[in-house]
Amino acid sequence: MRTSTQTAFRLPTDLLGRLKRNAREKNLSLNAYVTEILQRETAVPFPKLPPEEEDDPLQLFCCTGMPSRETIDADPKLAHLLRV
């Protein structure tokens, strides 16, 4: 479930005008447009795999570690993705 928090920012008048104009051009509310920009700019990048490891789902855990057998057994979707 996504939650939202209301907040306020002080922005230069010309920047706010550009944001509103761009939001209108994309048929988005100002809030949706600014949220889209902030999410894109703060996204955590997915780790790049060497070409030879791209097809190995176990290599997806190279940065975080392999989940435990109990975790895999408790999650059929994860087991399917890992092909175990």
N, C-alpha and C. Protein backbone atom coordinates (compact mmCIF):
# COMPACT_ATOMS: atom_id res chain seq x y z
N MET A 1 0.85 -1.18 0.00
CA MET A 1 0.00 0.00 0.00
C MET A 1 0.89 1.24 0.00
N ARG A 2 0.64 2.13 -0.92
CA ARG A 2 1.41 3.36 -1.00
C ARG A 2 0.80 4.39 -0.06
N THR A 3 1.65 5.10 0.60
CA THR A 3 1.18 6.19 1.44
C THR A 3 1.77 7.48 0.90
N SER A 4 1.09 8.56 1.18
CA SER A 4 1.55 9.87 0.75
C SER A 4 1.61 10.79 1.95
N THR A 5 2.49 11.76 1.85
CA THR A 5 2.63 12.77 2.88
C THR A 5 2.56 14.13 2.21
N GLN A 6 1.75 14.98 2.74
CA GLN A 6 1.66 16.33 2.20
C GLN A 6 2.86 17.13 2.68
N THR A 7 3.44 17.91 1.79
CA THR A 7 4.60 18.73 2.12
C THR A 7 4.54 20.03 1.33
N ALA A 8 5.43 20.92 1.64
CA ALA A 8 5.47 22.21 0.93
C ALA A 8 6.92 22.56 0.61
N PHE A 9 7.12 23.20 -0.53
CA PHE A 9 8.45 23.65 -0.95
C PHE A 9 8.36 25.10 -1.39
N ARG A 10 9.43 25.80 -1.23
CA ARG A 10 9.55 27.14 -1.81
C ARG A 10 10.33 27.00 -3.11
N LEU A 11 9.71 27.42 -4.19
CA LEU A 11 10.33 27.33 -5.51
C LEU A 11 10.37 28.70 -6.15
N PRO A 12 11.39 28.95 -6.96
CA PRO A 12 11.39 30.20 -7.73
C PRO A 12 10.16 30.24 -8.63
N THR A 13 9.59 31.42 -8.78
CA THR A 13 8.36 31.59 -9.55
C THR A 13 8.49 31.07 -10.97
N ASP A 14 9.63 31.33 -11.62
CA ASP A 14 9.80 30.88 -13.00
C ASP A 14 9.89 29.35 -13.08
N LEU A 15 10.50 28.71 -12.09
CA LEU A 15 10.57 27.25 -12.07
C LEU A 15 9.18 26.65 -11.89
N LEU A 16 8.40 27.20 -10.99
CA LEU A 16 7.04 26.71 -10.79
C LEU A 16 6.23 26.86 -12.07
N GLY A 17 6.41 27.96 -12.77
CA GLY A 17 5.70 28.16 -14.03
C GLY A 17 6.08 27.11 -15.06
N ARG A 18 7.37 26.79 -15.15
CA ARG A 18 7.81 25.76 -16.11
C ARG A 18 7.26 24.40 -15.72
N LEU A 19 7.27 24.10 -14.43
CA LEU A 19 6.73 22.82 -13.97
C LEU A 19 5.25 22.69 -14.32
N LYS A 20 4.49 23.74 -14.07
CA LYS A 20 3.06 23.72 -14.39
C LYS A 20 2.83 23.55 -15.88
N ARG A 21 3.60 24.27 -16.69
CA ARG A 21 3.46 24.19 -18.14
C ARG A 21 3.78 22.77 -18.63
N ASN A 22 4.89 22.21 -18.15
CA ASN A 22 5.27 20.86 -18.58
C ASN A 22 4.26 19.82 -18.13
N ALA A 23 3.73 19.98 -16.92
CA ALA A 23 2.70 19.05 -16.42
C ALA A 23 1.47 19.12 -17.31
N ARG A 24 1.07 20.32 -17.66
CA ARG A 24 -0.11 20.51 -18.51
C ARG A 24 0.12 19.85 -19.88
N GLU A 25 1.32 20.01 -20.44
CA GLU A 25 1.64 19.42 -21.74
C GLU A 25 1.59 17.90 -21.71
N LYS A 26 1.88 17.32 -20.55
CA LYS A 26 1.85 15.86 -20.41
C LYS A 26 0.49 15.37 -19.88
N ASN A 27 -0.44 16.28 -19.74
CA ASN A 27 -1.77 15.95 -19.20
C ASN A 27 -1.67 15.32 -17.82
N LEU A 28 -0.80 15.86 -16.98
CA LEU A 28 -0.63 15.41 -15.60
C LEU A 28 -0.91 16.55 -14.65
N SER A 29 -1.29 16.20 -13.44
CA SER A 29 -1.38 17.24 -12.41
C SER A 29 0.03 17.66 -12.05
N LEU A 30 0.16 18.82 -11.46
CA LEU A 30 1.48 19.29 -11.03
C LEU A 30 2.08 18.28 -10.05
N ASN A 31 1.28 17.79 -9.12
CA ASN A 31 1.76 16.82 -8.15
C ASN A 31 2.27 15.55 -8.82
N ALA A 32 1.49 15.01 -9.77
CA ALA A 32 1.90 13.79 -10.46
C ALA A 32 3.18 14.01 -11.26
N TYR A 33 3.30 15.17 -11.89
CA TYR A 33 4.48 15.48 -12.69
C TYR A 33 5.73 15.59 -11.81
N VAL A 34 5.63 16.32 -10.72
CA VAL A 34 6.78 16.49 -9.83
C VAL A 34 7.14 15.14 -9.19
N THR A 35 6.14 14.35 -8.81
CA THR A 35 6.41 13.03 -8.25
C THR A 35 7.14 12.16 -9.26
N GLU A 36 6.71 12.19 -10.51
CA GLU A 36 7.36 11.41 -11.57
C GLU A 36 8.83 11.81 -11.70
N ILE A 37 9.11 13.09 -11.71
CA ILE A 37 10.49 13.57 -11.82
C ILE A 37 11.32 13.11 -10.63
N LEU A 38 10.78 13.30 -9.43
CA LEU A 38 11.53 12.93 -8.22
C LEU A 38 11.77 11.43 -8.13
N GLN A 39 10.79 10.63 -8.52
CA GLN A 39 10.98 9.18 -8.50
C GLN A 39 12.05 8.76 -9.50
N ARG A 40 12.02 9.34 -10.68
CA ARG A 40 13.02 9.00 -11.70
C ARG A 40 14.42 9.40 -11.24
N GLU A 41 14.55 10.57 -10.66
CA GLU A 41 15.86 11.09 -10.28
C GLU A 41 16.43 10.45 -9.02
N THR A 42 15.58 9.80 -8.23
CA THR A 42 16.07 9.19 -6.99
C THR A 42 15.99 7.67 -7.02
N ALA A 43 15.69 7.09 -8.18
CA ALA A 43 15.57 5.63 -8.29
C ALA A 43 16.91 4.97 -8.01
N VAL A 44 16.83 3.82 -7.35
CA VAL A 44 18.03 3.03 -7.09
C VAL A 44 18.31 2.22 -8.36
N PRO A 45 19.50 2.37 -8.94
CA PRO A 45 19.77 1.65 -10.18
C PRO A 45 19.86 0.14 -9.96
N PHE A 46 19.34 -0.61 -10.91
CA PHE A 46 19.44 -2.06 -10.86
C PHE A 46 20.86 -2.43 -11.23
N PRO A 47 21.50 -3.34 -10.49
CA PRO A 47 22.90 -3.66 -10.79
C PRO A 47 23.06 -4.25 -12.19
N LYS A 48 24.08 -3.79 -12.89
CA LYS A 48 24.38 -4.31 -14.22
C LYS A 48 25.17 -5.60 -14.07
N LEU A 49 24.80 -6.60 -14.86
CA LEU A 49 25.50 -7.87 -14.82
C LEU A 49 26.41 -8.00 -16.02
N PRO A 50 27.55 -8.68 -15.85
CA PRO A 50 28.38 -8.96 -17.02
C PRO A 50 27.57 -9.79 -18.02
N PRO A 51 27.83 -9.66 -19.32
CA PRO A 51 27.02 -10.35 -20.33
C PRO A 51 26.86 -11.85 -20.08
N GLU A 52 27.91 -12.50 -19.61
CA GLU A 52 27.82 -13.95 -19.41
C GLU A 52 26.92 -14.34 -18.24
N GLU A 53 26.57 -13.38 -17.37
CA GLU A 53 25.74 -13.67 -16.21
C GLU A 53 24.32 -13.15 -16.35
N GLU A 54 24.00 -12.52 -17.48
CA GLU A 54 22.68 -11.91 -17.65
C GLU A 54 21.54 -12.91 -17.53
N ASP A 55 21.76 -14.15 -17.97
CA ASP A 55 20.69 -15.15 -17.97
C ASP A 55 20.66 -15.99 -16.70
N ASP A 56 21.56 -15.73 -15.77
CA ASP A 56 21.63 -16.52 -14.54
C ASP A 56 20.89 -15.79 -13.43
N PRO A 57 19.66 -16.23 -13.07
CA PRO A 57 18.89 -15.50 -12.06
C PRO A 57 19.57 -15.47 -10.70
N LEU A 58 20.42 -16.43 -10.41
CA LEU A 58 21.12 -16.43 -9.11
C LEU A 58 22.07 -15.25 -9.01
N GLN A 59 22.57 -14.75 -10.14
CA GLN A 59 23.50 -13.62 -10.11
C GLN A 59 22.81 -12.32 -9.74
N LEU A 60 21.48 -12.30 -9.77
CA LEU A 60 20.76 -11.09 -9.37
C LEU A 60 21.02 -10.77 -7.90
N PHE A 61 21.44 -11.74 -7.15
CA PHE A 61 21.66 -11.56 -5.72
C PHE A 61 23.13 -11.28 -5.39
N CYS A 62 23.92 -10.95 -6.41
CA CYS A 62 25.34 -10.74 -6.18
C CYS A 62 25.60 -9.59 -5.21
N CYS A 63 24.73 -8.61 -5.18
CA CYS A 63 24.94 -7.45 -4.31
C CYS A 63 24.28 -7.61 -2.94
N THR A 64 23.22 -8.37 -2.88
CA THR A 64 22.47 -8.46 -1.63
C THR A 64 22.61 -9.80 -0.95
N GLY A 65 23.16 -10.78 -1.64
CA GLY A 65 23.29 -12.11 -1.09
C GLY A 65 22.10 -12.97 -1.46
N MET A 66 22.33 -14.24 -1.53
CA MET A 66 21.30 -15.20 -1.88
C MET A 66 20.32 -15.34 -0.73
N PRO A 67 19.01 -15.37 -1.02
CA PRO A 67 18.05 -15.58 0.05
C PRO A 67 18.22 -16.98 0.64
N SER A 68 17.81 -17.14 1.87
CA SER A 68 17.93 -18.43 2.54
C SER A 68 16.97 -19.44 1.92
N ARG A 69 17.23 -20.71 2.15
CA ARG A 69 16.37 -21.77 1.65
C ARG A 69 14.97 -21.60 2.22
N GLU A 70 14.86 -21.18 3.48
CA GLU A 70 13.55 -20.98 4.10
C GLU A 70 12.76 -19.88 3.38
N THR A 71 13.46 -18.81 3.02
CA THR A 71 12.81 -17.71 2.31
C THR A 71 12.32 -18.17 0.95
N ILE A 72 13.15 -18.93 0.25
CA ILE A 72 12.77 -19.43 -1.08
C ILE A 72 11.59 -20.38 -0.96
N ASP A 73 11.66 -21.31 0.02
CA ASP A 73 10.58 -22.29 0.19
C ASP A 73 9.26 -21.62 0.55
N ALA A 74 9.32 -20.50 1.25
CA ALA A 74 8.10 -19.81 1.67
C ALA A 74 7.51 -18.94 0.57
N ASP A 75 8.24 -18.75 -0.52
CA ASP A 75 7.78 -17.86 -1.59
C ASP A 75 7.84 -18.59 -2.94
N PRO A 76 6.72 -19.18 -3.37
CA PRO A 76 6.73 -19.93 -4.63
C PRO A 76 7.12 -19.09 -5.84
N LYS A 77 6.77 -17.82 -5.83
CA LYS A 77 7.14 -16.96 -6.96
C LYS A 77 8.65 -16.79 -7.03
N LEU A 78 9.28 -16.59 -5.88
CA LEU A 78 10.73 -16.45 -5.84
C LEU A 78 11.39 -17.74 -6.29
N ALA A 79 10.89 -18.88 -5.81
CA ALA A 79 11.44 -20.18 -6.21
C ALA A 79 11.32 -20.36 -7.72
N HIS A 80 10.18 -19.94 -8.28
CA HIS A 80 10.00 -20.05 -9.73
C HIS A 80 11.00 -19.17 -10.47
N LEU A 81 11.17 -17.94 -10.01
CA LEU A 81 12.11 -17.03 -10.65
C LEU A 81 13.54 -17.55 -10.60
N LEU A 82 13.87 -18.19 -9.48
CA LEU A 82 15.21 -18.74 -9.32
C LEU A 82 15.37 -20.10 -9.95
N ARG A 83 14.24 -20.67 -10.41
CA ARG A 83 14.22 -21.98 -11.05
C ARG A 83 14.81 -23.05 -10.13
N VAL A 84 14.40 -22.99 -8.86
CA VAL A 84 14.89 -24.00 -7.91
C VAL A 84 13.73 -24.82 -7.38
